Amino acid sequence: MTLSNNATELMLALALGDRLAGTSYMANLEISPEYEEAYEALSIFSPLVATTEQLIEAKADLVYAGYPDGFSESRHTRDQLHDLGMKTRLNTEGCNLGKYGFDEPYDEIRPVVGILGVPERGETLVGRIEGRVAGIEDRISGADPPPVFIFNGGEDMPRAVLGNTMPSHVVERAGGVNILGDVDNRYGGTSWEQLVEQAPDYIVVFYSGTAGGQVVEDPDTALGQARIDVLKANPIISDVPAIEKDNYVLIPSVIGQPGPGSADALEKLARAFHPEAFAE
């Protein structure tokens, strides 16, 4: 059973949908198009994290979460699930406080396929992602990197995605510079004045499918576009280049969190930052 969208996508990228007792926590976000058909064949137990009762109902042998909130005191701890006879795994990002990049998802894939007994599929997937990343980087080689702000919501005080995250790494690999990428943390607050001072050329809008612990009906609009509207309405930052030029890139957590979708995020950002490199 998977407890997050990136864990589900990893299983589908490995062609292991037939091994899934069920999935959860996609909220109302959309699975990546290449996995859509396989995803529709799965049992979806909940738009939020599956409950302990649902895990028991699914007869899950292994419970796999891509985010730390898959295992918590308010839902079920890993020890509690172990006591019920279920093995658990948390994506290494959930245990990591330092820098995080593509090497870490590769290192996540290999033990997962080892556990599931299909190591050759892991190497095939790693090779496919590596090849795609290399192809994108070849296209943008030598391009000047624009300054980028990764916005995670907030009106009075903007919340930022900082240096020790996959989105920050992907921004850098896509030929940009996270203006807060040198901050040795994952998420935190900044100020509108700092945005004015650092003058990003692009703003990456990062969002999940929930707000306040509740599923959002249309997260692309209610969270993604709504955050753009907040930025546009703020007079303090009206002269920031990204605001003046309408340079926003929406990155939902399906591709923003580490997993196979990270390559999709990389290409989306590279195309936004360096469109000339992708001109036909």
Foldseek 3Di string as FASTA:
>chain_A
DEFDLQVVVQCVLLVNLVVDLAYEQQQPPDAPVVCRVSNVPGHYQYVHGDAPVVCVVSVAQEYEYAAPVNADPVGHHQVRVVVVNHHYYYQVLNVDQFADEPVSQLVRLQVVCVVVVNNVSSVVLNVVLVVLLVVLLVLCPPPAAFEEWEFADDQQWTKGAEQRAHLQRLSVSLRYHHPRNVPSGGMDTDHLVVCQVVQTQAYEYEEEQDDPSHGDNDCCVVPVVVRLVSVLPDPSCCPRNCNVVVHYHYDYCSLRHDHSSVSVVSNSSSCSRCVVSVDD
